[in-house]
Protein backbone atom coordinates (compact mmCIF):
# COMPACT_ATOMS: atom_id res chain seq x y z
CA MET A 1 -2.47 7.56 -20.43
CA ILE A 2 -2.74 7.50 -16.65
CA THR A 3 -2.48 10.86 -14.92
CA PRO A 4 0.48 10.65 -12.51
CA ASP A 5 -0.30 11.15 -8.82
CA THR A 6 1.99 13.90 -7.56
CA LYS A 7 0.27 14.57 -4.23
CA ASP A 8 2.11 14.43 -0.94
CA TRP A 9 -0.07 12.03 1.02
CA THR A 10 1.80 12.42 4.34
CA TRP A 11 -1.09 14.58 5.59
CA VAL A 12 -2.95 11.30 6.28
CA LEU A 13 -0.76 10.97 9.37
CA GLU A 14 -2.46 14.03 10.86
CA ARG A 15 -6.15 13.59 10.01
CA PRO A 16 -8.65 11.11 8.55
CA CYS A 17 -8.96 10.80 4.80
CA ALA A 18 -12.22 12.41 3.72
CA ASP A 19 -12.32 10.19 0.63
CA CYS A 20 -11.71 6.65 1.88
CA GLY A 21 -12.59 7.20 5.55
CA LEU A 22 -9.43 5.74 7.08
CA ASP A 23 -8.37 7.55 10.24
CA THR A 24 -4.67 6.67 10.33
CA PRO A 25 -3.90 8.71 13.47
CA ALA A 26 -6.32 6.43 15.34
CA VAL A 27 -4.71 3.17 14.16
CA ALA A 28 -2.76 1.34 16.86
CA PHE A 29 0.54 -0.14 15.71
CA GLU A 30 -0.60 -3.55 16.93
CA ALA A 31 -3.53 -3.43 14.49
CA VAL A 32 -1.34 -2.97 11.41
CA PRO A 33 -0.55 -6.63 10.63
CA GLY A 34 -4.22 -7.63 10.78
CA MET A 35 -5.22 -4.68 8.62
CA VAL A 36 -2.57 -5.57 6.03
CA ARG A 37 -3.83 -9.17 5.95
CA ALA A 38 -7.47 -8.09 5.66
CA ASN A 39 -6.63 -5.73 2.82
CA ALA A 40 -4.66 -8.43 1.00
CA GLU A 41 -7.64 -10.80 1.36
CA PHE A 42 -9.88 -8.21 -0.30
CA TRP A 43 -7.55 -7.91 -3.31
CA VAL A 44 -7.11 -11.67 -3.64
CA ALA A 45 -10.90 -12.13 -3.68
CA LEU A 46 -11.30 -9.32 -6.18
CA LEU A 47 -8.70 -10.87 -8.48
CA GLY A 48 -10.82 -14.02 -8.68
CA GLY A 49 -13.36 -12.10 -10.76
CA ASP A 50 -13.85 -11.72 -14.49
CA GLY A 51 -10.59 -10.81 -16.26
CA ALA A 52 -12.28 -8.38 -18.65
CA VAL A 53 -13.84 -6.52 -15.74
CA LEU A 54 -10.53 -6.51 -13.87
CA ARG A 55 -8.77 -4.99 -16.88
CA GLY A 56 -11.47 -2.41 -17.58
CA ARG A 57 -10.63 1.14 -16.72
CA PRO A 58 -13.57 3.08 -15.25
CA GLU A 59 -12.48 6.09 -17.29
CA PRO A 60 -9.43 7.12 -19.30
CA GLY A 61 -6.58 8.06 -17.01
CA VAL A 62 -7.76 5.86 -14.11
CA TRP A 63 -6.21 2.51 -13.29
CA SER A 64 -8.20 -0.69 -13.70
CA PRO A 65 -8.83 -2.93 -10.67
CA LEU A 66 -6.01 -5.20 -11.92
CA GLU A 67 -3.60 -2.28 -12.13
CA TYR A 68 -4.53 -1.19 -8.61
CA ALA A 69 -3.98 -4.74 -7.36
CA CYS A 70 -0.54 -4.89 -9.00
CA HIS A 71 0.28 -1.57 -7.39
CA VAL A 72 -0.83 -2.78 -3.94
CA ARG A 73 1.31 -5.91 -4.36
CA ASP A 74 4.31 -3.73 -5.19
CA VAL A 75 3.58 -1.34 -2.32
CA PHE A 76 3.55 -4.28 0.10
CA ARG A 77 6.90 -5.44 -1.31
CA LEU A 78 8.47 -1.98 -1.27
CA PHE A 79 7.32 -1.16 2.24
CA ASP A 80 8.70 -4.47 3.51
CA VAL A 81 12.10 -3.55 2.06
CA ARG A 82 11.91 -0.07 3.55
CA LEU A 83 10.83 -1.39 6.95
CA ARG A 84 13.85 -3.73 6.95
CA LEU A 85 16.09 -0.76 6.12
CA MET A 86 14.66 1.22 9.03
CA LEU A 87 15.29 -1.67 11.41
CA ASP A 88 18.77 -2.52 10.10
CA GLU A 89 20.24 0.95 9.45
CA ASP A 90 20.24 4.28 11.22
CA GLY A 91 18.09 6.79 9.35
CA PRO A 92 18.19 5.24 5.86
CA LEU A 93 17.29 7.34 2.83
CA PHE A 94 14.72 5.57 0.68
CA ALA A 95 15.34 5.41 -3.04
CA ASN A 96 12.77 7.16 -5.20
CA TRP A 97 9.97 5.00 -6.57
CA ASP A 98 7.88 6.15 -9.51
CA GLN A 99 4.70 4.12 -9.21
CA ASP A 100 3.40 5.26 -12.57
CA ALA A 101 6.60 4.34 -14.40
CA THR A 102 6.53 0.96 -12.65
CA ALA A 103 2.96 0.35 -13.82
CA VAL A 104 4.02 0.94 -17.42
CA ALA A 105 7.36 -0.90 -17.23
CA GLU A 106 5.85 -3.92 -15.50
CA ARG A 107 2.82 -3.91 -17.81
CA TYR A 108 0.32 -4.09 -14.98
CA GLN A 109 -2.60 -4.14 -17.39
CA GLU A 110 -1.33 -7.34 -19.02
CA GLN A 111 -0.52 -9.35 -15.89
CA ASP A 112 -2.38 -12.54 -15.04
CA PRO A 113 -4.84 -11.85 -12.20
CA ALA A 114 -4.35 -15.35 -10.74
CA VAL A 115 -0.59 -14.83 -10.55
CA VAL A 116 -1.03 -11.35 -9.10
CA ALA A 117 -3.37 -12.79 -6.44
CA VAL A 118 -0.74 -15.30 -5.29
CA GLU A 119 2.02 -12.67 -5.30
CA LEU A 120 -0.13 -10.12 -3.49
CA ALA A 121 -1.15 -12.62 -0.80
CA SER A 122 2.50 -13.54 -0.27
CA ALA A 123 3.66 -9.92 -0.16
CA GLY A 124 0.88 -8.97 2.26
CA GLU A 125 1.66 -11.87 4.58
CA GLN A 126 5.38 -11.06 4.51
CA LEU A 127 4.74 -7.42 5.34
CA ALA A 128 2.31 -8.34 8.14
CA ARG A 129 4.91 -10.67 9.65
CA SER A 130 7.58 -8.01 9.37
CA PHE A 131 5.43 -5.54 11.30
CA GLU A 132 4.64 -8.23 13.89
CA SER A 133 8.36 -8.75 14.44
CA VAL A 134 9.07 -5.11 15.32
CA ALA A 135 10.06 -4.75 18.96
CA ALA A 136 8.39 -1.92 20.87
CA ALA A 137 11.81 -0.33 21.37
CA ASP A 138 12.30 -0.11 17.59
CA ARG A 139 9.07 1.71 16.73
CA GLN A 140 10.74 5.11 16.90
CA ARG A 141 13.56 4.22 14.48
CA THR A 142 13.48 6.52 11.46
CA GLY A 143 13.77 6.50 7.69
CA ASP A 144 13.66 9.39 5.22
CA ARG A 145 12.09 9.80 1.83
CA SER A 146 14.11 11.73 -0.74
CA ASP A 147 11.59 14.60 -0.61
CA GLY A 148 12.46 15.22 3.05
CA ALA A 149 9.56 13.34 4.66
CA ARG A 150 10.74 11.56 7.80
CA PHE A 151 8.96 8.55 9.22
CA THR A 152 9.27 6.55 12.38
CA VAL A 153 8.50 2.85 12.07
CA GLU A 154 5.19 3.63 13.75
CA SER A 155 4.20 6.51 11.44
CA PHE A 156 5.50 4.53 8.46
CA ALA A 157 3.07 1.71 9.33
CA ARG A 158 0.10 4.06 9.45
CA TYR A 159 1.18 5.83 6.26
CA LEU A 160 1.46 2.47 4.51
CA LEU A 161 -2.06 1.43 5.50
CA HIS A 162 -3.65 4.39 3.81
CA ASP A 163 -2.40 3.43 0.35
CA PRO A 164 -4.07 0.00 -0.07
CA VAL A 165 -7.16 1.08 1.89
CA HIS A 166 -7.57 4.14 -0.32
CA HIS A 167 -7.13 2.04 -3.44
CA ARG A 168 -9.83 -0.33 -2.22
CA TYR A 169 -12.05 2.76 -2.04
CA ASP A 170 -10.88 3.77 -5.54
CA VAL A 171 -12.09 0.42 -6.89
CA THR A 172 -15.27 -0.09 -4.85
CA GLY A 173 -16.35 3.39 -3.71
CA GLU A 174 -16.88 1.89 -0.24
CA LEU A 175 -15.64 3.80 2.79
CA HIS A 176 -13.27 2.10 5.21
CA GLN A 177 -15.16 0.46 8.06
CA VAL A 178 -13.62 0.18 11.49
CA ASN A 179 -13.84 -3.40 12.71
């Protein structure tokens, strides 16, 4: 059984993450597409490894590298949908997403790493392109999470980045390096 993550991670918009090392407040909006692509490349390369290793959980209650990769793929997809909502609607309210229920329902642990790699690369590229298409005038458009958290397109981009970067740290133990 995986222990559900119930933390409110919006604090990463105010200060660097002491665990993974990503300093989201210092990330320029223009850097987001490249960072999404670089992160997707990491996961795709990782998914080319040994399937048994990819499915192995480091300890009970912690996702395997494959499960993390499936999650990152789905985060890229979800954030692309939410970004489109922010650009197309005034102040949309995002539907709840239970990442842990999704992992179980979608059977992350049983998915084919090669298929996940293709899907993750595609989702990452789509999200990167979507962020590239945002006009400067639209960066302050807003969207709201059901728990009351409000994002601008700009803060939403930085918030997004922390998730896959932190999960890379979860899998490798390596701190984020500024390029």
